[in-house]
Amino acid sequence: MHALVVYRREVMQTPIRTLAAEIGISKSAVDKFHKERSHPGKLWPRLRDWYMRTHATKRDEYRTPPDLMVATALQLLSQVPKDLRAAAIRATAEHLKAFHPVMPDPDWIEMLSEIADREEGS
């Protein structure tokens, strides 16, 4: 929590008044917490709420990047013999498509299918 306050004050150069208004505490409390690393004590609930309101990622908002999903799937299949790998990648992509019957397929599933096509062509 302290690191975030330091970042906002020193790196982003957020004025104490602005930061205090965002958090909902006095300017002197922000200044003391920032400079002296004081224990937040009764400020803790407001600091926690401010942090959660501004920086916490909601569970449903985070999406693993498609390239990481593809890399994970390929790592899973890395021990499959080379002559069977394209079929294994395609079967994995088709199996994963079954989990998304109502909504469009995620990009990474399409990427797996394209990789299977390239593996079959080589």
PDB file of N, CA and C in Angstrom:
ATOM      1  N   MET A   1       0.834  -1.178   0.000  1.00  0.00           N
ATOM      2  CA  MET A   1       0.000   0.000   0.000  1.00  0.00           C
ATOM      3  C   MET A   1       0.881   1.243   0.000  1.00  0.00           C
ATOM      4  N   HIS A   2       1.918   1.206   0.842  1.00  0.00           N
ATOM      5  CA  HIS A   2       2.808   2.357   0.919  1.00  0.00           C
ATOM      6  C   HIS A   2       3.494   2.594  -0.426  1.00  0.00           C
ATOM      7  N   ALA A   3       3.904   1.531  -1.086  1.00  0.00           N
ATOM      8  CA  ALA A   3       4.578   1.669  -2.376  1.00  0.00           C
ATOM      9  C   ALA A   3       3.682   2.369  -3.396  1.00  0.00           C
ATOM     10  N   LEU A   4       2.394   2.098  -3.345  1.00  0.00           N
ATOM     11  CA  LEU A   4       1.470   2.746  -4.277  1.00  0.00           C
ATOM     12  C   LEU A   4       1.361   4.239  -3.991  1.00  0.00           C
ATOM     13  N   VAL A   5       1.307   4.594  -2.727  1.00  0.00           N
ATOM     14  CA  VAL A   5       1.255   6.016  -2.368  1.00  0.00           C
ATOM     15  C   VAL A   5       2.551   6.704  -2.799  1.00  0.00           C
ATOM     16  N   VAL A   6       3.692   6.056  -2.554  1.00  0.00           N
ATOM     17  CA  VAL A   6       4.977   6.624  -2.973  1.00  0.00           C
ATOM     18  C   VAL A   6       5.012   6.778  -4.495  1.00  0.00           C
ATOM     19  N   TYR A   7       4.568   5.777  -5.210  1.00  0.00           N
ATOM     20  CA  TYR A   7       4.529   5.844  -6.674  1.00  0.00           C
ATOM     21  C   TYR A   7       3.684   7.019  -7.153  1.00  0.00           C
ATOM     22  N   ARG A   8       2.492   7.132  -6.588  1.00  0.00           N
ATOM     23  CA  ARG A   8       1.600   8.225  -7.006  1.00  0.00           C
ATOM     24  C   ARG A   8       2.210   9.590  -6.708  1.00  0.00           C
ATOM     25  N   ARG A   9       2.876   9.736  -5.554  1.00  0.00           N
ATOM     26  CA  ARG A   9       3.445  11.032  -5.164  1.00  0.00           C
ATOM     27  C   ARG A   9       4.725  11.334  -5.926  1.00  0.00           C
ATOM     28  N   GLU A  10       5.644  10.377  -5.990  1.00  0.00           N
ATOM     29  CA  GLU A  10       6.971  10.657  -6.513  1.00  0.00           C
ATOM     30  C   GLU A  10       7.113  10.424  -8.009  1.00  0.00           C
ATOM     31  N   VAL A  11       6.504   9.394  -8.520  1.00  0.00           N
ATOM     32  CA  VAL A  11       6.640   9.103  -9.953  1.00  0.00           C
ATOM     33  C   VAL A  11       5.588   9.847 -10.757  1.00  0.00           C
ATOM     34  N   MET A  12       4.338   9.710 -10.359  1.00  0.00           N
ATOM     35  CA  MET A  12       3.262  10.379 -11.106  1.00  0.00           C
ATOM     36  C   MET A  12       3.079  11.830 -10.680  1.00  0.00           C
ATOM     37  N   GLN A  13       3.738  12.204  -9.604  1.00  0.00           N
ATOM     38  CA  GLN A  13       3.689  13.559  -9.064  1.00  0.00           C
ATOM     39  C   GLN A  13       2.257  14.041  -8.819  1.00  0.00           C
ATOM     40  N   THR A  14       1.456  13.147  -8.257  1.00  0.00           N
ATOM     41  CA  THR A  14       0.086  13.479  -7.893  1.00  0.00           C
ATOM     42  C   THR A  14       0.119  14.400  -6.678  1.00  0.00           C
ATOM     43  N   PRO A  15      -0.566  15.540  -6.738  1.00  0.00           N
ATOM     44  CA  PRO A  15      -0.586  16.439  -5.584  1.00  0.00           C
ATOM     45  C   PRO A  15      -1.212  15.755  -4.362  1.00  0.00           C
ATOM     46  N   ILE A  16      -0.717  16.117  -3.184  1.00  0.00           N
ATOM     47  CA  ILE A  16      -1.236  15.538  -1.938  1.00  0.00           C
ATOM     48  C   ILE A  16      -2.735  15.757  -1.833  1.00  0.00           C
ATOM     49  N   ARG A  17      -3.173  16.931  -2.199  1.00  0.00           N
ATOM     50  CA  ARG A  17      -4.600  17.264  -2.105  1.00  0.00           C
ATOM     51  C   ARG A  17      -5.441  16.301  -2.952  1.00  0.00           C
ATOM     52  N   THR A  18      -4.986  16.029  -4.164  1.00  0.00           N
ATOM     53  CA  THR A  18      -5.705  15.114  -5.058  1.00  0.00           C
ATOM     54  C   THR A  18      -5.721  13.702  -4.493  1.00  0.00           C
ATOM     55  N   LEU A  19      -4.561  13.251  -4.045  1.00  0.00           N
ATOM     56  CA  LEU A  19      -4.454  11.907  -3.488  1.00  0.00           C
ATOM     57  C   LEU A  19      -5.314  11.760  -2.231  1.00  0.00           C
ATOM     58  N   ALA A  20      -5.289  12.783  -1.379  1.00  0.00           N
ATOM     59  CA  ALA A  20      -6.101  12.751  -0.154  1.00  0.00           C
ATOM     60  C   ALA A  20      -7.586  12.679  -0.501  1.00  0.00           C
ATOM     61  N   ALA A  21      -8.015  13.427  -1.522  1.00  0.00           N
ATOM     62  CA  ALA A  21      -9.420  13.400  -1.924  1.00  0.00           C
ATOM     63  C   ALA A  21      -9.810  12.033  -2.475  1.00  0.00           C
ATOM     64  N   GLU A  22      -8.927  11.419  -3.258  1.00  0.00           N
ATOM     65  CA  GLU A  22      -9.205  10.085  -3.816  1.00  0.00           C
ATOM     66  C   GLU A  22      -9.356   9.044  -2.704  1.00  0.00           C
ATOM     67  N   ILE A  23      -8.446   9.107  -1.731  1.00  0.00           N
ATOM     68  CA  ILE A  23      -8.448   8.123  -0.652  1.00  0.00           C
ATOM     69  C   ILE A  23      -9.558   8.408   0.354  1.00  0.00           C
ATOM     70  N   GLY A  24      -9.821   9.688   0.570  1.00  0.00           N
ATOM     71  CA  GLY A  24     -10.831  10.060   1.543  1.00  0.00           C
ATOM     72  C   GLY A  24     -10.253  10.310   2.926  1.00  0.00           C
ATOM     73  N   ILE A  25      -8.984  10.757   2.971  1.00  0.00           N
ATOM     74  CA  ILE A  25      -8.340  11.082   4.239  1.00  0.00           C
ATOM     75  C   ILE A  25      -7.724  12.477   4.126  1.00  0.00           C
ATOM     76  N   SER A  26      -7.226  12.991   5.231  1.00  0.00           N
ATOM     77  CA  SER A  26      -6.669  14.350   5.227  1.00  0.00           C
ATOM     78  C   SER A  26      -5.319  14.394   4.510  1.00  0.00           C
ATOM     79  N   LYS A  27      -4.952  15.604   4.076  1.00  0.00           N
ATOM     80  CA  LYS A  27      -3.659  15.798   3.420  1.00  0.00           C
ATOM     81  C   LYS A  27      -2.515  15.447   4.366  1.00  0.00           C
ATOM     82  N   SER A  28      -2.653  15.834   5.627  1.00  0.00           N
ATOM     83  CA  SER A  28      -1.584  15.553   6.591  1.00  0.00           C
ATOM     84  C   SER A  28      -1.428  14.039   6.815  1.00  0.00           C
ATOM     85  N   ALA A  29      -2.528  13.305   6.765  1.00  0.00           N
ATOM     86  CA  ALA A  29      -2.456  11.845   6.924  1.00  0.00           C
ATOM     87  C   ALA A  29      -1.734  11.214   5.735  1.00  0.00           C
ATOM     88  N   VAL A  30      -2.020  11.698   4.533  1.00  0.00           N
ATOM     89  CA  VAL A  30      -1.319  11.190   3.343  1.00  0.00           C
ATOM     90  C   VAL A  30       0.164  11.517   3.457  1.00  0.00           C
ATOM     91  N   ASP A  31       0.477  12.755   3.814  1.00  0.00           N
ATOM     92  CA  ASP A  31       1.860  13.191   3.917  1.00  0.00           C
ATOM     93  C   ASP A  31       2.616  12.359   4.954  1.00  0.00           C
ATOM     94  N   LYS A  32       2.013  12.129   6.086  1.00  0.00           N
ATOM     95  CA  LYS A  32       2.651  11.342   7.155  1.00  0.00           C
ATOM     96  C   LYS A  32       2.863   9.897   6.700  1.00  0.00           C
ATOM     97  N   PHE A  33       1.849   9.316   6.084  1.00  0.00           N
ATOM     98  CA  PHE A  33       1.957   7.940   5.607  1.00  0.00           C
ATOM     99  C   PHE A  33       3.032   7.844   4.529  1.00  0.00           C
ATOM    100  N   HIS A  34       3.104   8.837   3.658  1.00  0.00           N
ATOM    101  CA  HIS A  34       4.066   8.850   2.565  1.00  0.00           C
ATOM    102  C   HIS A  34       5.496   9.029   3.077  1.00  0.00           C
ATOM    103  N   LYS A  35       5.723  10.038   3.885  1.00  0.00           N
ATOM    104  CA  LYS A  35       7.084  10.371   4.317  1.00  0.00           C
ATOM    105  C   LYS A  35       7.607   9.505   5.444  1.00  0.00           C
ATOM    106  N   GLU A  36       6.769   9.199   6.395  1.00  0.00           N
ATOM    107  CA  GLU A  36       7.238   8.508   7.599  1.00  0.00           C
ATOM    108  C   GLU A  36       6.924   7.021   7.612  1.00  0.00           C
ATOM    109  N   ARG A  37       6.237   6.558   6.596  1.00  0.00           N
ATOM    110  CA  ARG A  37       5.821   5.147   6.536  1.00  0.00           C
ATOM    111  C   ARG A  37       5.112   4.756   7.826  1.00  0.00           C
ATOM    112  N   SER A  38       4.267   5.653   8.302  1.00  0.00           N
ATOM    113  CA  SER A  38       3.555   5.388   9.551  1.00  0.00           C
ATOM    114  C   SER A  38       2.586   4.227   9.374  1.00  0.00           C
ATOM    115  N   HIS A  39       2.320   3.546  10.462  1.00  0.00           N
ATOM    116  CA  HIS A  39       1.337   2.464  10.451  1.00  0.00           C
ATOM    117  C   HIS A  39      -0.037   3.080  10.187  1.00  0.00           C
ATOM    118  N   PRO A  40      -0.794   2.562   9.218  1.00  0.00           N
ATOM    119  CA  PRO A  40      -2.045   3.218   8.853  1.00  0.00           C
ATOM    120  C   PRO A  40      -3.108   3.235   9.951  1.00  0.00           C
ATOM    121  N   GLY A  41      -3.068   2.286  10.879  1.00  0.00           N
ATOM    122  CA  GLY A  41      -4.030   2.272  11.982  1.00  0.00           C
ATOM    123  C   GLY A  41      -5.462   2.454  11.524  1.00  0.00           C
ATOM    124  N   LYS A  42      -6.099   3.526  11.982  1.00  0.00           N
ATOM    125  CA  LYS A  42      -7.509   3.728  11.631  1.00  0.00           C
ATOM    126  C   LYS A  42      -7.700   4.205  10.196  1.00  0.00           C
ATOM    127  N   LEU A  43      -6.604   4.517   9.485  1.00  0.00           N
ATOM    128  CA  LEU A  43      -6.700   4.883   8.062  1.00  0.00           C
ATOM    129  C   LEU A  43      -6.821   3.643   7.173  1.00  0.00           C
ATOM    130  N   TRP A  44      -6.464   2.499   7.724  1.00  0.00           N
ATOM    131  CA  TRP A  44      -6.408   1.280   6.927  1.00  0.00           C
ATOM    132  C   TRP A  44      -7.673   1.002   6.122  1.00  0.00           C
ATOM    133  N   PRO A  45      -8.868   1.071   6.699  1.00  0.00           N
ATOM    134  CA  PRO A  45     -10.067   0.781   5.894  1.00  0.00           C
ATOM    135  C   PRO A  45     -10.199   1.700   4.672  1.00  0.00           C
ATOM    136  N   ARG A  46      -9.868   2.967   4.838  1.00  0.00           N
ATOM    137  CA  ARG A  46      -9.974   3.889   3.696  1.00  0.00           C
ATOM    138  C   ARG A  46      -8.885   3.618   2.663  1.00  0.00           C
ATOM    139  N   LEU A  47      -7.677   3.325   3.122  1.00  0.00           N
ATOM    140  CA  LEU A  47      -6.599   2.981   2.190  1.00  0.00           C
ATOM    141  C   LEU A  47      -6.935   1.705   1.422  1.00  0.00           C
ATOM    142  N   ARG A  48      -7.447   0.719   2.131  1.00  0.00           N
ATOM    143  CA  ARG A  48      -7.832  -0.549   1.495  1.00  0.00           C
ATOM    144  C   ARG A  48      -8.922  -0.333   0.457  1.00  0.00           C
ATOM    145  N   ASP A  49      -9.957   0.419   0.832  1.00  0.00           N
ATOM    146  CA  ASP A  49     -11.061   0.674  -0.097  1.00  0.00           C
ATOM    147  C   ASP A  49     -10.587   1.440  -1.326  1.00  0.00           C
ATOM    148  N   TRP A  50      -9.700   2.411  -1.108  1.00  0.00           N
ATOM    149  CA  TRP A  50      -9.156   3.184  -2.231  1.00  0.00           C
ATOM    150  C   TRP A  50      -8.377   2.265  -3.164  1.00  0.00           C
ATOM    151  N   TYR A  51      -7.537   1.414  -2.597  1.00  0.00           N
ATOM    152  CA  TYR A  51      -6.759   0.492  -3.414  1.00  0.00           C
ATOM    153  C   TYR A  51      -7.671  -0.440  -4.209  1.00  0.00           C
ATOM    154  N   MET A  52      -8.628  -1.029  -3.537  1.00  0.00           N
ATOM    155  CA  MET A  52      -9.534  -1.963  -4.216  1.00  0.00           C
ATOM    156  C   MET A  52     -10.347  -1.264  -5.296  1.00  0.00           C
ATOM    157  N   ARG A  53     -10.726  -0.046  -5.051  1.00  0.00           N
ATOM    158  CA  ARG A  53     -11.533   0.715  -6.016  1.00  0.00           C
ATOM    159  C   ARG A  53     -10.721   1.089  -7.253  1.00  0.00           C
ATOM    160  N   THR A  54      -9.440   1.375  -7.074  1.00  0.00           N
ATOM    161  CA  THR A  54      -8.647   1.897  -8.188  1.00  0.00           C
ATOM    162  C   THR A  54      -7.711   0.901  -8.847  1.00  0.00           C
ATOM    163  N   HIS A  55      -7.289  -0.133  -8.124  1.00  0.00           N
ATOM    164  CA  HIS A  55      -6.254  -0.991  -8.677  1.00  0.00           C
ATOM    165  C   HIS A  55      -6.553  -2.480  -8.694  1.00  0.00           C
ATOM    166  N   ALA A  56      -7.532  -2.904  -8.009  1.00  0.00           N
ATOM    167  CA  ALA A  56      -7.821  -4.338  -7.993  1.00  0.00           C
ATOM    168  C   ALA A  56      -8.482  -4.746  -9.304  1.00  0.00           C
ATOM    169  N   THR A  57      -8.066  -5.876  -9.818  1.00  0.00           N
ATOM    170  CA  THR A  57      -8.659  -6.403 -11.045  1.00  0.00           C
ATOM    171  C   THR A  57      -9.831  -7.281 -10.677  1.00  0.00           C
ATOM    172  N   LYS A  58     -10.945  -7.012 -11.273  1.00  0.00           N
ATOM    173  CA  LYS A  58     -12.095  -7.872 -11.034  1.00  0.00           C
ATOM    174  C   LYS A  58     -11.818  -9.233 -11.654  1.00  0.00           C
ATOM    175  N   ARG A  59     -12.323 -10.239 -11.038  1.00  0.00           N
ATOM    176  CA  ARG A  59     -12.040 -11.605 -11.441  1.00  0.00           C
ATOM    177  C   ARG A  59     -12.401 -11.866 -12.896  1.00  0.00           C
ATOM    178  N   ASP A  60     -13.518 -11.352 -13.353  1.00  0.00           N
ATOM    179  CA  ASP A  60     -13.971 -11.624 -14.714  1.00  0.00           C
ATOM    180  C   ASP A  60     -13.301 -10.741 -15.761  1.00  0.00           C
ATOM    181  N   GLU A  61     -12.560  -9.718 -15.353  1.00  0.00           N
ATOM    182  CA  GLU A  61     -11.961  -8.806 -16.311  1.00  0.00           C
ATOM    183  C   GLU A  61     -10.642  -9.309 -16.867  1.00  0.00           C
ATOM    184  N   TYR A  62      -9.896 -10.098 -16.105  1.00  0.00           N
ATOM    185  CA  TYR A  62      -8.583 -10.529 -16.562  1.00  0.00           C
ATOM    186  C   TYR A  62      -8.721 -11.612 -17.622  1.00  0.00           C
ATOM    187  N   ARG A  63      -7.977 -11.454 -18.676  1.00  0.00           N
ATOM    188  CA  ARG A  63      -7.918 -12.470 -19.726  1.00  0.00           C
ATOM    189  C   ARG A  63      -6.449 -12.794 -19.970  1.00  0.00           C
ATOM    190  N   THR A  64      -6.111 -14.064 -19.908  1.00  0.00           N
ATOM    191  CA  THR A  64      -4.748 -14.474 -20.205  1.00  0.00           C
ATOM    192  C   THR A  64      -4.472 -14.165 -21.670  1.00  0.00           C
ATOM    193  N   PRO A  65      -3.318 -13.578 -21.986  1.00  0.00           N
ATOM    194  CA  PRO A  65      -3.005 -13.245 -23.381  1.00  0.00           C
ATOM    195  C   PRO A  65      -3.055 -14.487 -24.272  1.00  0.00           C
ATOM    196  N   PRO A  66      -3.581 -14.340 -25.488  1.00  0.00           N
ATOM    197  CA  PRO A  66      -3.719 -15.491 -26.390  1.00  0.00           C
ATOM    198  C   PRO A  66      -2.410 -16.218 -26.656  1.00  0.00           C
ATOM    199  N   ASP A  67      -1.318 -15.485 -26.833  1.00  0.00           N
ATOM    200  CA  ASP A  67      -0.049 -16.150 -27.121  1.00  0.00           C
ATOM    201  C   ASP A  67       0.423 -17.007 -25.953  1.00  0.00           C
ATOM    202  N   LEU A  68       0.104 -16.610 -24.737  1.00  0.00           N
ATOM    203  CA  LEU A  68       0.444 -17.424 -23.576  1.00  0.00           C
ATOM    204  C   LEU A  68      -0.407 -18.690 -23.531  1.00  0.00           C
ATOM    205  N   MET A  69      -1.671 -18.571 -23.898  1.00  0.00           N
ATOM    206  CA  MET A  69      -2.542 -19.746 -23.950  1.00  0.00           C
ATOM    207  C   MET A  69      -2.043 -20.735 -25.003  1.00  0.00           C
ATOM    208  N   VAL A  70      -1.638 -20.222 -26.162  1.00  0.00           N
ATOM    209  CA  VAL A  70      -1.113 -21.082 -27.228  1.00  0.00           C
ATOM    210  C   VAL A  70       0.176 -21.753 -26.761  1.00  0.00           C
ATOM    211  N   ALA A  71       1.058 -20.980 -26.152  1.00  0.00           N
ATOM    212  CA  ALA A  71       2.325 -21.546 -25.669  1.00  0.00           C
ATOM    213  C   ALA A  71       2.084 -22.656 -24.644  1.00  0.00           C
ATOM    214  N   THR A  72       1.104 -22.456 -23.792  1.00  0.00           N
ATOM    215  CA  THR A  72       0.776 -23.469 -22.781  1.00  0.00           C
ATOM    216  C   THR A  72       0.264 -24.746 -23.451  1.00  0.00           C
ATOM    217  N   ALA A  73      -0.617 -24.584 -24.425  1.00  0.00           N
ATOM    218  CA  ALA A  73      -1.146 -25.758 -25.136  1.00  0.00           C
ATOM    219  C   ALA A  73      -0.034 -26.492 -25.884  1.00  0.00           C
ATOM    220  N   LEU A  74       0.863 -25.739 -26.524  1.00  0.00           N
ATOM    221  CA  LEU A  74       1.961 -26.374 -27.255  1.00  0.00           C
ATOM    222  C   LEU A  74       2.933 -27.063 -26.305  1.00  0.00           C
ATOM    223  N   GLN A  75       3.152 -26.483 -25.135  1.00  0.00           N
ATOM    224  CA  GLN A  75       4.007 -27.127 -24.142  1.00  0.00           C
ATOM    225  C   GLN A  75       3.381 -28.439 -23.673  1.00  0.00           C
ATOM    226  N   LEU A  76       2.079 -28.421 -23.509  1.00  0.00           N
ATOM    227  CA  LEU A  76       1.356 -29.625 -23.112  1.00  0.00           C
ATOM    228  C   LEU A  76       1.544 -30.744 -24.135  1.00  0.00           C
ATOM    229  N   LEU A  77       1.627 -30.368 -25.399  1.00  0.00           N
ATOM    230  CA  LEU A  77       1.737 -31.352 -26.481  1.00  0.00           C
ATOM    231  C   LEU A  77       3.172 -31.562 -26.957  1.00  0.00           C
ATOM    232  N   SER A  78       4.134 -31.001 -26.263  1.00  0.00           N
ATOM    233  CA  SER A  78       5.524 -31.048 -26.732  1.00  0.00           C
ATOM    234  C   SER A  78       6.114 -32.460 -26.776  1.00  0.00           C
ATOM    235  N   GLN A  79       5.590 -33.380 -25.998  1.00  0.00           N
ATOM    236  CA  GLN A  79       6.121 -34.744 -25.972  1.00  0.00           C
ATOM    237  C   GLN A  79       5.475 -35.664 -27.001  1.00  0.00           C
ATOM    238  N   VAL A  80       4.480 -35.140 -27.712  1.00  0.00           N
ATOM    239  CA  VAL A  80       3.827 -35.943 -28.757  1.00  0.00           C
ATOM    240  C   VAL A  80       4.805 -36.084 -29.925  1.00  0.00           C
ATOM    241  N   PRO A  81       4.940 -37.299 -30.479  1.00  0.00           N
ATOM    242  CA  PRO A  81       5.857 -37.475 -31.613  1.00  0.00           C
ATOM    243  C   PRO A  81       5.517 -36.519 -32.766  1.00  0.00           C
ATOM    244  N   LYS A  82       6.552 -36.091 -33.482  1.00  0.00           N
ATOM    245  CA  LYS A  82       6.405 -35.068 -34.521  1.00  0.00           C
ATOM    246  C   LYS A  82       5.373 -35.461 -35.580  1.00  0.00           C
ATOM    247  N   ASP A  83       5.324 -36.725 -35.964  1.00  0.00           N
ATOM    248  CA  ASP A  83       4.383 -37.132 -37.004  1.00  0.00           C
ATOM    249  C   ASP A  83       2.925 -37.113 -36.524  1.00  0.00           C
ATOM    250  N   LEU A  84       2.702 -37.079 -35.234  1.00  0.00           N
ATOM    251  CA  LEU A  84       1.343 -37.032 -34.687  1.00  0.00           C
ATOM    252  C   LEU A  84       0.972 -35.656 -34.118  1.00  0.00           C
ATOM    253  N   ARG A  85       1.950 -34.747 -34.087  1.00  0.00           N
ATOM    254  CA  ARG A  85       1.743 -33.465 -33.415  1.00  0.00           C
ATOM    255  C   ARG A  85       0.644 -32.623 -34.056  1.00  0.00           C
ATOM    256  N   ALA A  86       0.600 -32.528 -35.386  1.00  0.00           N
ATOM    257  CA  ALA A  86      -0.424 -31.712 -36.054  1.00  0.00           C
ATOM    258  C   ALA A  86      -1.825 -32.221 -35.704  1.00  0.00           C
ATOM    259  N   ALA A  87      -2.004 -33.537 -35.723  1.00  0.00           N
ATOM    260  CA  ALA A  87      -3.307 -34.115 -35.390  1.00  0.00           C
ATOM    261  C   ALA A  87      -3.649 -33.862 -33.923  1.00  0.00           C
ATOM    262  N   ALA A  88      -2.648 -33.927 -33.056  1.00  0.00           N
ATOM    263  CA  ALA A  88      -2.882 -33.686 -31.627  1.00  0.00           C
ATOM    264  C   ALA A  88      -3.267 -32.225 -31.380  1.00  0.00           C
ATOM    265  N   ILE A  89      -2.603 -31.307 -32.078  1.00  0.00           N
ATOM    266  CA  ILE A  89      -2.934 -29.880 -31.933  1.00  0.00           C
ATOM    267  C   ILE A  89      -4.346 -29.629 -32.433  1.00  0.00           C
ATOM    268  N   ARG A  90      -4.683 -30.209 -33.590  1.00  0.00           N
ATOM    269  CA  ARG A  90      -6.028 -30.021 -34.144  1.00  0.00           C
ATOM    270  C   ARG A  90      -7.086 -30.620 -33.213  1.00  0.00           C
ATOM    271  N   ALA A  91      -6.840 -31.805 -32.679  1.00  0.00           N
ATOM    272  CA  ALA A  91      -7.797 -32.440 -31.769  1.00  0.00           C
ATOM    273  C   ALA A  91      -7.968 -31.604 -30.504  1.00  0.00           C
ATOM    274  N   THR A  92      -6.873 -31.048 -30.006  1.00  0.00           N
ATOM    275  CA  THR A  92      -6.947 -30.184 -28.822  1.00  0.00           C
ATOM    276  C   THR A  92      -7.789 -28.949 -29.120  1.00  0.00           C
ATOM    277  N   ALA A  93      -7.548 -28.323 -30.279  1.00  0.00           N
ATOM    278  CA  ALA A  93      -8.318 -27.134 -30.653  1.00  0.00           C
ATOM    279  C   ALA A  93      -9.802 -27.472 -30.784  1.00  0.00           C
ATOM    280  N   GLU A  94     -10.118 -28.595 -31.423  1.00  0.00           N
ATOM    281  CA  GLU A  94     -11.518 -28.990 -31.585  1.00  0.00           C
ATOM    282  C   GLU A  94     -12.165 -29.304 -30.240  1.00  0.00           C
ATOM    283  N   HIS A  95     -11.419 -29.952 -29.381  1.00  0.00           N
ATOM    284  CA  HIS A  95     -11.935 -30.266 -28.046  1.00  0.00           C
ATOM    285  C   HIS A  95     -12.229 -28.981 -27.267  1.00  0.00           C
ATOM    286  N   LEU A  96     -11.322 -28.016 -27.358  1.00  0.00           N
ATOM    287  CA  LEU A  96     -11.515 -26.752 -26.645  1.00  0.00           C
ATOM    288  C   LEU A  96     -12.659 -25.923 -27.239  1.00  0.00           C
ATOM    289  N   LYS A  97     -12.896 -26.063 -28.540  1.00  0.00           N
ATOM    290  CA  LYS A  97     -14.027 -25.363 -29.173  1.00  0.00           C
ATOM    291  C   LYS A  97     -15.354 -25.835 -28.581  1.00  0.00           C
ATOM    292  N   ALA A  98     -15.392 -27.076 -28.164  1.00  0.00           N
ATOM    293  CA  ALA A  98     -16.620 -27.628 -27.596  1.00  0.00           C
ATOM    294  C   ALA A  98     -17.009 -26.934 -26.296  1.00  0.00           C
ATOM    295  N   PHE A  99     -16.042 -26.308 -25.629  1.00  0.00           N
ATOM    296  CA  PHE A  99     -16.332 -25.579 -24.396  1.00  0.00           C
ATOM    297  C   PHE A  99     -16.938 -24.204 -24.652  1.00  0.00           C
ATOM    298  N   HIS A 100     -16.922 -23.770 -25.888  1.00  0.00           N
ATOM    299  CA  HIS A 100     -17.419 -22.439 -26.249  1.00  0.00           C
ATOM    300  C   HIS A 100     -18.538 -22.535 -27.288  1.00  0.00           C
ATOM    301  N   PRO A 101     -19.558 -23.338 -27.049  1.00  0.00           N
ATOM    302  CA  PRO A 101     -20.579 -23.535 -28.080  1.00  0.00           C
ATOM    303  C   PRO A 101     -21.465 -22.313 -28.323  1.00  0.00           C
ATOM    304  N   VAL A 102     -21.676 -21.483 -27.324  1.00  0.00           N
ATOM    305  CA  VAL A 102     -22.611 -20.378 -27.447  1.00  0.00           C
ATOM    306  C   VAL A 102     -21.917 -19.095 -27.906  1.00  0.00           C
ATOM    307  N   MET A 103     -20.699 -18.924 -27.489  1.00  0.00           N
ATOM    308  CA  MET A 103     -19.981 -17.693 -27.830  1.00  0.00           C
ATOM    309  C   MET A 103     -18.913 -17.981 -28.881  1.00  0.00           C
ATOM    310  N   PRO A 104     -18.398 -16.924 -29.507  1.00  0.00           N
ATOM    311  CA  PRO A 104     -17.355 -17.144 -30.512  1.00  0.00           C
ATOM    312  C   PRO A 104     -16.100 -17.754 -29.878  1.00  0.00           C
ATOM    313  N   ASP A 105     -15.367 -18.505 -30.675  1.00  0.00           N
ATOM    314  CA  ASP A 105     -14.144 -19.128 -30.181  1.00  0.00           C
ATOM    315  C   ASP A 105     -13.126 -18.054 -29.818  1.00  0.00           C
ATOM    316  N   PRO A 106     -12.410 -18.244 -28.728  1.00  0.00           N
ATOM    317  CA  PRO A 106     -11.334 -17.306 -28.386  1.00  0.00           C
ATOM    318  C   PRO A 106     -10.251 -17.321 -29.468  1.00  0.00           C
ATOM    319  N   ASP A 107      -9.538 -16.224 -29.584  1.00  0.00           N
ATOM    320  CA  ASP A 107      -8.491 -16.103 -30.604  1.00  0.00           C
ATOM    321  C   ASP A 107      -7.455 -17.210 -30.512  1.00  0.00           C
ATOM    322  N   TRP A 108      -7.121 -17.600 -29.293  1.00  0.00           N
ATOM    323  CA  TRP A 108      -6.048 -18.573 -29.143  1.00  0.00           C
ATOM    324  C   TRP A 108      -6.425 -19.954 -29.661  1.00  0.00           C
ATOM    325  N   ILE A 109      -7.707 -20.280 -29.659  1.00  0.00           N
ATOM    326  CA  ILE A 109      -8.128 -21.576 -30.226  1.00  0.00           C
ATOM    327  C   ILE A 109      -7.965 -21.546 -31.741  1.00  0.00           C
ATOM    328  N   GLU A 110      -8.308 -20.422 -32.347  1.00  0.00           N
ATOM    329  CA  GLU A 110      -8.100 -20.268 -33.788  1.00  0.00           C
ATOM    330  C   GLU A 110      -6.609 -20.319 -34.123  1.00  0.00           C
ATOM    331  N   MET A 111      -5.790 -19.742 -33.260  1.00  0.00           N
ATOM    332  CA  MET A 111      -4.341 -19.769 -33.469  1.00  0.00           C
ATOM    333  C   MET A 111      -3.819 -21.207 -33.428  1.00  0.00           C
ATOM    334  N   LEU A 112      -4.361 -22.010 -32.524  1.00  0.00           N
ATOM    335  CA  LEU A 112      -3.971 -23.427 -32.474  1.00  0.00           C
ATOM    336  C   LEU A 112      -4.335 -24.143 -33.766  1.00  0.00           C
ATOM    337  N   SER A 113      -5.518 -23.860 -34.292  1.00  0.00           N
ATOM    338  CA  SER A 113      -5.934 -24.477 -35.558  1.00  0.00           C
ATOM    339  C   SER A 113      -4.995 -24.075 -36.691  1.00  0.00           C
ATOM    340  N   GLU A 114      -4.596 -22.821 -36.721  1.00  0.00           N
ATOM    341  CA  GLU A 114      -3.662 -22.356 -37.760  1.00  0.00           C
ATOM    342  C   GLU A 114      -2.303 -23.044 -37.624  1.00  0.00           C
ATOM    343  N   ILE A 115      -1.844 -23.236 -36.399  1.00  0.00           N
ATOM    344  CA  ILE A 115      -0.578 -23.935 -36.183  1.00  0.00           C
ATOM    345  C   ILE A 115      -0.685 -25.379 -36.672  1.00  0.00           C
ATOM    346  N   ALA A 116      -1.829 -26.014 -36.406  1.00  0.00           N
ATOM    347  CA  ALA A 116      -2.036 -27.394 -36.886  1.00  0.00           C
ATOM    348  C   ALA A 116      -1.987 -27.435 -38.408  1.00  0.00           C
ATOM    349  N   ASP A 117      -2.608 -26.430 -39.062  1.00  0.00           N
ATOM    350  CA  ASP A 117      -2.566 -26.373 -40.528  1.00  0.00           C
ATOM    351  C   ASP A 117      -1.131 -26.254 -41.045  1.00  0.00           C
ATOM    352  N   ARG A 118      -0.325 -25.407 -40.408  1.00  0.00           N
ATOM    353  CA  ARG A 118       1.064 -25.234 -40.812  1.00  0.00           C
ATOM    354  C   ARG A 118       1.871 -26.491 -40.568  1.00  0.00           C
ATOM    355  N   GLU A 119       1.624 -27.162 -39.443  1.00  0.00           N
ATOM    356  CA  GLU A 119       2.358 -28.407 -39.146  1.00  0.00           C
ATOM    357  C   GLU A 119       2.028 -29.497 -40.170  1.00  0.00           C
ATOM    358  N   GLU A 120       0.768 -29.551 -40.591  1.00  0.00           N
ATOM    359  CA  GLU A 120       0.372 -30.553 -41.577  1.00  0.00           C
ATOM    360  C   GLU A 120       0.987 -30.243 -42.940  1.00  0.00           C
ATOM    361  N   GLY A 121       1.151 -28.964 -43.250  1.00  0.00           N
ATOM    362  CA  GLY A 121       1.706 -28.559 -44.537  1.00  0.00           C
ATOM    363  C   GLY A 121       3.202 -28.740 -44.638  1.00  0.00           C
ATOM    364  N   SER A 122       3.879 -28.851 -43.517  1.00  0.00           N
ATOM    365  CA  SER A 122       5.359 -28.975 -43.592  1.00  0.00           C
ATOM    366  C   SER A 122       5.838 -30.389 -43.595  1.00  0.00           C
TER     367      SER A 122
END
